[in-house]
Amino acid sequence: MGLLANLHVALAVSTCPYLEVPYDPPAWTPERRDMLLPAPIEVEPDGTIVPPPGPGLGVSPELDALEAFRIG
């Protein structure tokens, strides 16, 4: 979800030429980054990311994945 929030900020700022995406396996991978999303964020072959079309950040979190983090 954080990458989507940062993507929306970058898209709203006309002077933002690029957005860096962390990748540091095995601790930080696309699978781990997108574990709460219904589908992974896809990076296009030319290095761009198309924002999801839905309202807000464009996606809703996967509620079953969030259940693992419930406290109480």
PDB file of N, CA and C in Angstrom:
ATOM      1  N   MET A   1       0.822  -1.187   0.000  1.00  0.00           N
ATOM      2  CA  MET A   1       0.000   0.000   0.000  1.00  0.00           C
ATOM      3  C   MET A   1       0.870   1.256   0.000  1.00  0.00           C
ATOM      4  N   GLY A   2       2.026   1.182   0.648  1.00  0.00           N
ATOM      5  CA  GLY A   2       2.913   2.336   0.703  1.00  0.00           C
ATOM      6  C   GLY A   2       3.400   2.767  -0.668  1.00  0.00           C
ATOM      7  N   LEU A   3       3.731   1.788  -1.515  1.00  0.00           N
ATOM      8  CA  LEU A   3       4.187   2.126  -2.864  1.00  0.00           C
ATOM      9  C   LEU A   3       3.084   2.845  -3.629  1.00  0.00           C
ATOM     10  N   LEU A   4       1.839   2.408  -3.470  1.00  0.00           N
ATOM     11  CA  LEU A   4       0.735   3.070  -4.167  1.00  0.00           C
ATOM     12  C   LEU A   4       0.548   4.501  -3.676  1.00  0.00           C
ATOM     13  N   ALA A   5       0.696   4.724  -2.371  1.00  0.00           N
ATOM     14  CA  ALA A   5       0.583   6.083  -1.839  1.00  0.00           C
ATOM     15  C   ALA A   5       1.696   6.962  -2.402  1.00  0.00           C
ATOM     16  N   ASN A   6       2.918   6.445  -2.413  1.00  0.00           N
ATOM     17  CA  ASN A   6       4.041   7.211  -2.967  1.00  0.00           C
ATOM     18  C   ASN A   6       3.869   7.448  -4.460  1.00  0.00           C
ATOM     19  N   LEU A   7       3.335   6.474  -5.181  1.00  0.00           N
ATOM     20  CA  LEU A   7       3.093   6.622  -6.612  1.00  0.00           C
ATOM     21  C   LEU A   7       2.112   7.760  -6.872  1.00  0.00           C
ATOM     22  N   HIS A   8       1.046   7.838  -6.084  1.00  0.00           N
ATOM     23  CA  HIS A   8       0.060   8.899  -6.274  1.00  0.00           C
ATOM     24  C   HIS A   8       0.661  10.279  -5.993  1.00  0.00           C
ATOM     25  N   VAL A   9       1.508  10.385  -4.986  1.00  0.00           N
ATOM     26  CA  VAL A   9       2.170  11.668  -4.717  1.00  0.00           C
ATOM     27  C   VAL A   9       3.070  12.038  -5.891  1.00  0.00           C
ATOM     28  N   ALA A  10       3.849  11.079  -6.384  1.00  0.00           N
ATOM     29  CA  ALA A  10       4.751  11.340  -7.515  1.00  0.00           C
ATOM     30  C   ALA A  10       3.970  11.772  -8.754  1.00  0.00           C
ATOM     31  N   LEU A  11       2.815  11.162  -8.984  1.00  0.00           N
ATOM     32  CA  LEU A  11       2.003  11.521 -10.141  1.00  0.00           C
ATOM     33  C   LEU A  11       1.397  12.918 -10.006  1.00  0.00           C
ATOM     34  N   ALA A  12       1.205  13.370  -8.775  1.00  0.00           N
ATOM     35  CA  ALA A  12       0.595  14.681  -8.547  1.00  0.00           C
ATOM     36  C   ALA A  12       1.606  15.824  -8.613  1.00  0.00           C
ATOM     37  N   VAL A  13       2.893  15.500  -8.566  1.00  0.00           N
ATOM     38  CA  VAL A  13       3.945  16.521  -8.568  1.00  0.00           C
ATOM     39  C   VAL A  13       4.570  16.573  -9.953  1.00  0.00           C
ATOM     40  N   SER A  14       4.437  17.710 -10.608  1.00  0.00           N
ATOM     41  CA  SER A  14       4.918  17.804 -11.992  1.00  0.00           C
ATOM     42  C   SER A  14       6.435  17.749 -12.112  1.00  0.00           C
ATOM     43  N   THR A  15       7.149  17.980 -11.027  1.00  0.00           N
ATOM     44  CA  THR A  15       8.613  17.980 -11.087  1.00  0.00           C
ATOM     45  C   THR A  15       9.231  16.667 -10.611  1.00  0.00           C
ATOM     46  N   CYS A  16       8.447  15.611 -10.520  1.00  0.00           N
ATOM     47  CA  CYS A  16       8.952  14.310 -10.070  1.00  0.00           C
ATOM     48  C   CYS A  16       9.295  13.459 -11.297  1.00  0.00           C
ATOM     49  N   PRO A  17      10.578  13.367 -11.661  1.00  0.00           N
ATOM     50  CA  PRO A  17      10.942  12.644 -12.883  1.00  0.00           C
ATOM     51  C   PRO A  17      10.904  11.125 -12.743  1.00  0.00           C
ATOM     52  N   TYR A  18      11.008  10.613 -11.515  1.00  0.00           N
ATOM     53  CA  TYR A  18      11.009   9.160 -11.326  1.00  0.00           C
ATOM     54  C   TYR A  18      10.620   8.819  -9.893  1.00  0.00           C
ATOM     55  N   LEU A  19      10.336   7.544  -9.660  1.00  0.00           N
ATOM     56  CA  LEU A  19       9.995   7.030  -8.337  1.00  0.00           C
ATOM     57  C   LEU A  19      10.844   5.795  -8.107  1.00  0.00           C
ATOM     58  N   GLU A  20      11.658   5.809  -7.069  1.00  0.00           N
ATOM     59  CA  GLU A  20      12.482   4.648  -6.768  1.00  0.00           C
ATOM     60  C   GLU A  20      11.662   3.620  -6.005  1.00  0.00           C
ATOM     61  N   VAL A  21      11.862   2.355  -6.351  1.00  0.00           N
ATOM     62  CA  VAL A  21      11.145   1.256  -5.718  1.00  0.00           C
ATOM     63  C   VAL A  21      12.169   0.372  -5.013  1.00  0.00           C
ATOM     64  N   PRO A  22      12.028   0.165  -3.691  1.00  0.00           N
ATOM     65  CA  PRO A  22      13.010  -0.661  -2.991  1.00  0.00           C
ATOM     66  C   PRO A  22      12.947  -2.122  -3.430  1.00  0.00           C
ATOM     67  N   TYR A  23      14.108  -2.724  -3.540  1.00  0.00           N
ATOM     68  CA  TYR A  23      14.209  -4.147  -3.858  1.00  0.00           C
ATOM     69  C   TYR A  23      15.482  -4.640  -3.194  1.00  0.00           C
ATOM     70  N   ASP A  24      15.339  -5.421  -2.128  1.00  0.00           N
ATOM     71  CA  ASP A  24      16.481  -5.897  -1.363  1.00  0.00           C
ATOM     72  C   ASP A  24      16.208  -7.315  -0.872  1.00  0.00           C
ATOM     73  N   PRO A  25      16.256  -8.305  -1.795  1.00  0.00           N
ATOM     74  CA  PRO A  25      15.960  -9.670  -1.378  1.00  0.00           C
ATOM     75  C   PRO A  25      17.018 -10.199  -0.412  1.00  0.00           C
ATOM     76  N   PRO A  26      16.676 -11.088   0.460  1.00  0.00           N
ATOM     77  CA  PRO A  26      15.373 -11.742   0.582  1.00  0.00           C
ATOM     78  C   PRO A  26      14.405 -10.996   1.486  1.00  0.00           C
ATOM     79  N   ALA A  27      14.870  -9.929   2.154  1.00  0.00           N
ATOM     80  CA  ALA A  27      14.002  -9.243   3.112  1.00  0.00           C
ATOM     81  C   ALA A  27      12.906  -8.427   2.445  1.00  0.00           C
ATOM     82  N   TRP A  28      13.191  -7.802   1.335  1.00  0.00           N
ATOM     83  CA  TRP A  28      12.214  -6.911   0.698  1.00  0.00           C
ATOM     84  C   TRP A  28      12.084  -7.269  -0.772  1.00  0.00           C
ATOM     85  N   THR A  29      10.972  -7.893  -1.123  1.00  0.00           N
ATOM     86  CA  THR A  29      10.702  -8.336  -2.488  1.00  0.00           C
ATOM     87  C   THR A  29       9.319  -7.841  -2.899  1.00  0.00           C
ATOM     88  N   PRO A  30       8.998  -7.873  -4.188  1.00  0.00           N
ATOM     89  CA  PRO A  30       7.642  -7.487  -4.606  1.00  0.00           C
ATOM     90  C   PRO A  30       6.556  -8.317  -3.915  1.00  0.00           C
ATOM     91  N   GLU A  31       6.808  -9.593  -3.688  1.00  0.00           N
ATOM     92  CA  GLU A  31       5.804 -10.439  -3.030  1.00  0.00           C
ATOM     93  C   GLU A  31       5.531  -9.949  -1.612  1.00  0.00           C
ATOM     94  N   ARG A  32       6.578  -9.594  -0.897  1.00  0.00           N
ATOM     95  CA  ARG A  32       6.403  -9.105   0.470  1.00  0.00           C
ATOM     96  C   ARG A  32       5.772  -7.713   0.466  1.00  0.00           C
ATOM     97  N   ARG A  33       6.197  -6.865  -0.449  1.00  0.00           N
ATOM     98  CA  ARG A  33       5.663  -5.504  -0.556  1.00  0.00           C
ATOM     99  C   ARG A  33       4.160  -5.517  -0.831  1.00  0.00           C
ATOM    100  N   ASP A  34       3.706  -6.439  -1.670  1.00  0.00           N
ATOM    101  CA  ASP A  34       2.320  -6.458  -2.135  1.00  0.00           C
ATOM    102  C   ASP A  34       1.449  -7.488  -1.426  1.00  0.00           C
ATOM    103  N   MET A  35       1.889  -8.002  -0.286  1.00  0.00           N
ATOM    104  CA  MET A  35       1.171  -9.107   0.360  1.00  0.00           C
ATOM    105  C   MET A  35      -0.242  -8.746   0.810  1.00  0.00           C
ATOM    106  N   LEU A  36      -0.548  -7.486   0.982  1.00  0.00           N
ATOM    107  CA  LEU A  36      -1.893  -7.080   1.393  1.00  0.00           C
ATOM    108  C   LEU A  36      -2.783  -6.683   0.224  1.00  0.00           C
ATOM    109  N   LEU A  37      -2.258  -6.767  -0.986  1.00  0.00           N
ATOM    110  CA  LEU A  37      -3.012  -6.353  -2.169  1.00  0.00           C
ATOM    111  C   LEU A  37      -3.647  -7.556  -2.859  1.00  0.00           C
ATOM    112  N   PRO A  38      -4.792  -7.360  -3.515  1.00  0.00           N
ATOM    113  CA  PRO A  38      -5.438  -8.471  -4.224  1.00  0.00           C
ATOM    114  C   PRO A  38      -4.626  -8.957  -5.427  1.00  0.00           C
ATOM    115  N   ALA A  39      -3.793  -8.092  -5.995  1.00  0.00           N
ATOM    116  CA  ALA A  39      -2.922  -8.462  -7.122  1.00  0.00           C
ATOM    117  C   ALA A  39      -1.632  -7.657  -6.982  1.00  0.00           C
ATOM    118  N   PRO A  40      -0.513  -8.219  -7.411  1.00  0.00           N
ATOM    119  CA  PRO A  40       0.751  -7.489  -7.276  1.00  0.00           C
ATOM    120  C   PRO A  40       0.805  -6.249  -8.166  1.00  0.00           C
ATOM    121  N   ILE A  41       1.603  -5.287  -7.754  1.00  0.00           N
ATOM    122  CA  ILE A  41       1.848  -4.095  -8.561  1.00  0.00           C
ATOM    123  C   ILE A  41       2.814  -4.497  -9.664  1.00  0.00           C
ATOM    124  N   GLU A  42       2.428  -4.269 -10.894  1.00  0.00           N
ATOM    125  CA  GLU A  42       3.248  -4.675 -12.035  1.00  0.00           C
ATOM    126  C   GLU A  42       4.080  -3.505 -12.546  1.00  0.00           C
ATOM    127  N   VAL A  43       5.362  -3.761 -12.722  1.00  0.00           N
ATOM    128  CA  VAL A  43       6.242  -2.780 -13.352  1.00  0.00           C
ATOM    129  C   VAL A  43       6.307  -3.140 -14.830  1.00  0.00           C
ATOM    130  N   GLU A  44       5.963  -2.186 -15.688  1.00  0.00           N
ATOM    131  CA  GLU A  44       5.949  -2.415 -17.136  1.00  0.00           C
ATOM    132  C   GLU A  44       7.376  -2.616 -17.658  1.00  0.00           C
ATOM    133  N   PRO A  45       7.528  -3.242 -18.829  1.00  0.00           N
ATOM    134  CA  PRO A  45       8.869  -3.467 -19.392  1.00  0.00           C
ATOM    135  C   PRO A  45       9.702  -2.187 -19.540  1.00  0.00           C
ATOM    136  N   ASP A  46       9.027  -1.041 -19.735  1.00  0.00           N
ATOM    137  CA  ASP A  46       9.774   0.215 -19.874  1.00  0.00           C
ATOM    138  C   ASP A  46      10.072   0.875 -18.527  1.00  0.00           C
ATOM    139  N   GLY A  47       9.723   0.186 -17.416  1.00  0.00           N
ATOM    140  CA  GLY A  47      10.016   0.689 -16.081  1.00  0.00           C
ATOM    141  C   GLY A  47       8.931   1.532 -15.459  1.00  0.00           C
ATOM    142  N   THR A  48       7.817   1.724 -16.151  1.00  0.00           N
ATOM    143  CA  THR A  48       6.731   2.532 -15.602  1.00  0.00           C
ATOM    144  C   THR A  48       5.766   1.670 -14.799  1.00  0.00           C
ATOM    145  N   ILE A  49       4.996   2.324 -13.950  1.00  0.00           N
ATOM    146  CA  ILE A  49       3.937   1.667 -13.178  1.00  0.00           C
ATOM    147  C   ILE A  49       2.645   2.396 -13.502  1.00  0.00           C
ATOM    148  N   VAL A  50       1.640   1.665 -13.948  1.00  0.00           N
ATOM    149  CA  VAL A  50       0.330   2.249 -14.234  1.00  0.00           C
ATOM    150  C   VAL A  50      -0.478   2.215 -12.937  1.00  0.00           C
ATOM    151  N   PRO A  51      -0.972   3.363 -12.473  1.00  0.00           N
ATOM    152  CA  PRO A  51      -1.740   3.357 -11.228  1.00  0.00           C
ATOM    153  C   PRO A  51      -3.048   2.593 -11.392  1.00  0.00           C
ATOM    154  N   PRO A  52      -3.477   1.879 -10.353  1.00  0.00           N
ATOM    155  CA  PRO A  52      -4.747   1.160 -10.427  1.00  0.00           C
ATOM    156  C   PRO A  52      -5.907   2.137 -10.646  1.00  0.00           C
ATOM    157  N   PRO A  53      -6.970   1.713 -11.332  1.00  0.00           N
ATOM    158  CA  PRO A  53      -8.051   2.623 -11.707  1.00  0.00           C
ATOM    159  C   PRO A  53      -9.100   2.892 -10.632  1.00  0.00           C
ATOM    160  N   GLY A  54      -9.081   2.185  -9.519  1.00  0.00           N
ATOM    161  CA  GLY A  54     -10.121   2.342  -8.509  1.00  0.00           C
ATOM    162  C   GLY A  54     -10.016   3.652  -7.748  1.00  0.00           C
ATOM    163  N   PRO A  55     -10.992   3.940  -6.877  1.00  0.00           N
ATOM    164  CA  PRO A  55     -10.956   5.169  -6.084  1.00  0.00           C
ATOM    165  C   PRO A  55      -9.859   5.127  -5.024  1.00  0.00           C
ATOM    166  N   GLY A  56      -9.494   6.291  -4.525  1.00  0.00           N
ATOM    167  CA  GLY A  56      -8.457   6.368  -3.490  1.00  0.00           C
ATOM    168  C   GLY A  56      -7.112   5.936  -4.047  1.00  0.00           C
ATOM    169  N   LEU A  57      -6.478   4.977  -3.394  1.00  0.00           N
ATOM    170  CA  LEU A  57      -5.198   4.453  -3.875  1.00  0.00           C
ATOM    171  C   LEU A  57      -5.373   3.514  -5.060  1.00  0.00           C
ATOM    172  N   GLY A  58      -6.602   3.177  -5.383  1.00  0.00           N
ATOM    173  CA  GLY A  58      -6.855   2.344  -6.555  1.00  0.00           C
ATOM    174  C   GLY A  58      -7.148   0.898  -6.243  1.00  0.00           C
ATOM    175  N   VAL A  59      -6.887   0.470  -5.025  1.00  0.00           N
ATOM    176  CA  VAL A  59      -7.153  -0.914  -4.626  1.00  0.00           C
ATOM    177  C   VAL A  59      -7.673  -0.934  -3.194  1.00  0.00           C
ATOM    178  N   SER A  60      -8.298  -2.030  -2.837  1.00  0.00           N
ATOM    179  CA  SER A  60      -8.689  -2.273  -1.450  1.00  0.00           C
ATOM    180  C   SER A  60      -7.808  -3.388  -0.920  1.00  0.00           C
ATOM    181  N   PRO A  61      -7.402  -3.315   0.349  1.00  0.00           N
ATOM    182  CA  PRO A  61      -6.542  -4.372   0.877  1.00  0.00           C
ATOM    183  C   PRO A  61      -7.262  -5.714   0.894  1.00  0.00           C
ATOM    184  N   GLU A  62      -6.496  -6.771   0.803  1.00  0.00           N
ATOM    185  CA  GLU A  62      -7.015  -8.136   0.879  1.00  0.00           C
ATOM    186  C   GLU A  62      -7.328  -8.413   2.350  1.00  0.00           C
ATOM    187  N   LEU A  63      -8.605  -8.469   2.698  1.00  0.00           N
ATOM    188  CA  LEU A  63      -9.007  -8.575   4.103  1.00  0.00           C
ATOM    189  C   LEU A  63      -8.514  -9.855   4.756  1.00  0.00           C
ATOM    190  N   ASP A  64      -8.461 -10.954   4.023  1.00  0.00           N
ATOM    191  CA  ASP A  64      -7.954 -12.202   4.597  1.00  0.00           C
ATOM    192  C   ASP A  64      -6.486 -12.066   4.983  1.00  0.00           C
ATOM    193  N   ALA A  65      -5.709 -11.346   4.191  1.00  0.00           N
ATOM    194  CA  ALA A  65      -4.292 -11.139   4.506  1.00  0.00           C
ATOM    195  C   ALA A  65      -4.139 -10.249   5.736  1.00  0.00           C
ATOM    196  N   LEU A  66      -5.032  -9.285   5.904  1.00  0.00           N
ATOM    197  CA  LEU A  66      -4.974  -8.404   7.072  1.00  0.00           C
ATOM    198  C   LEU A  66      -5.309  -9.138   8.361  1.00  0.00           C
ATOM    199  N   GLU A  67      -6.107 -10.179   8.273  1.00  0.00           N
ATOM    200  CA  GLU A  67      -6.538 -10.925   9.457  1.00  0.00           C
ATOM    201  C   GLU A  67      -5.348 -11.438  10.266  1.00  0.00           C
ATOM    202  N   ALA A  68      -4.261 -11.775   9.598  1.00  0.00           N
ATOM    203  CA  ALA A  68      -3.075 -12.285  10.295  1.00  0.00           C
ATOM    204  C   ALA A  68      -2.469 -11.244  11.236  1.00  0.00           C
ATOM    205  N   PHE A  69      -2.783  -9.978  11.039  1.00  0.00           N
ATOM    206  CA  PHE A  69      -2.208  -8.911  11.849  1.00  0.00           C
ATOM    207  C   PHE A  69      -3.177  -8.381  12.905  1.00  0.00           C
ATOM    208  N   ARG A  70      -4.330  -9.023  13.049  1.00  0.00           N
ATOM    209  CA  ARG A  70      -5.326  -8.580  14.033  1.00  0.00           C
ATOM    210  C   ARG A  70      -4.796  -8.789  15.450  1.00  0.00           C
ATOM    211  N   ILE A  71      -5.024  -7.801  16.289  1.00  0.00           N
ATOM    212  CA  ILE A  71      -4.632  -7.893  17.695  1.00  0.00           C
ATOM    213  C   ILE A  71      -5.902  -7.931  18.528  1.00  0.00           C
ATOM    214  N   GLY A  72      -5.986  -8.927  19.385  1.00  0.00           N
ATOM    215  CA  GLY A  72      -7.128  -9.024  20.282  1.00  0.00           C
ATOM    216  C   GLY A  72      -8.265  -9.852  19.802  1.00  0.00           C
TER     217      GLY A  72
END
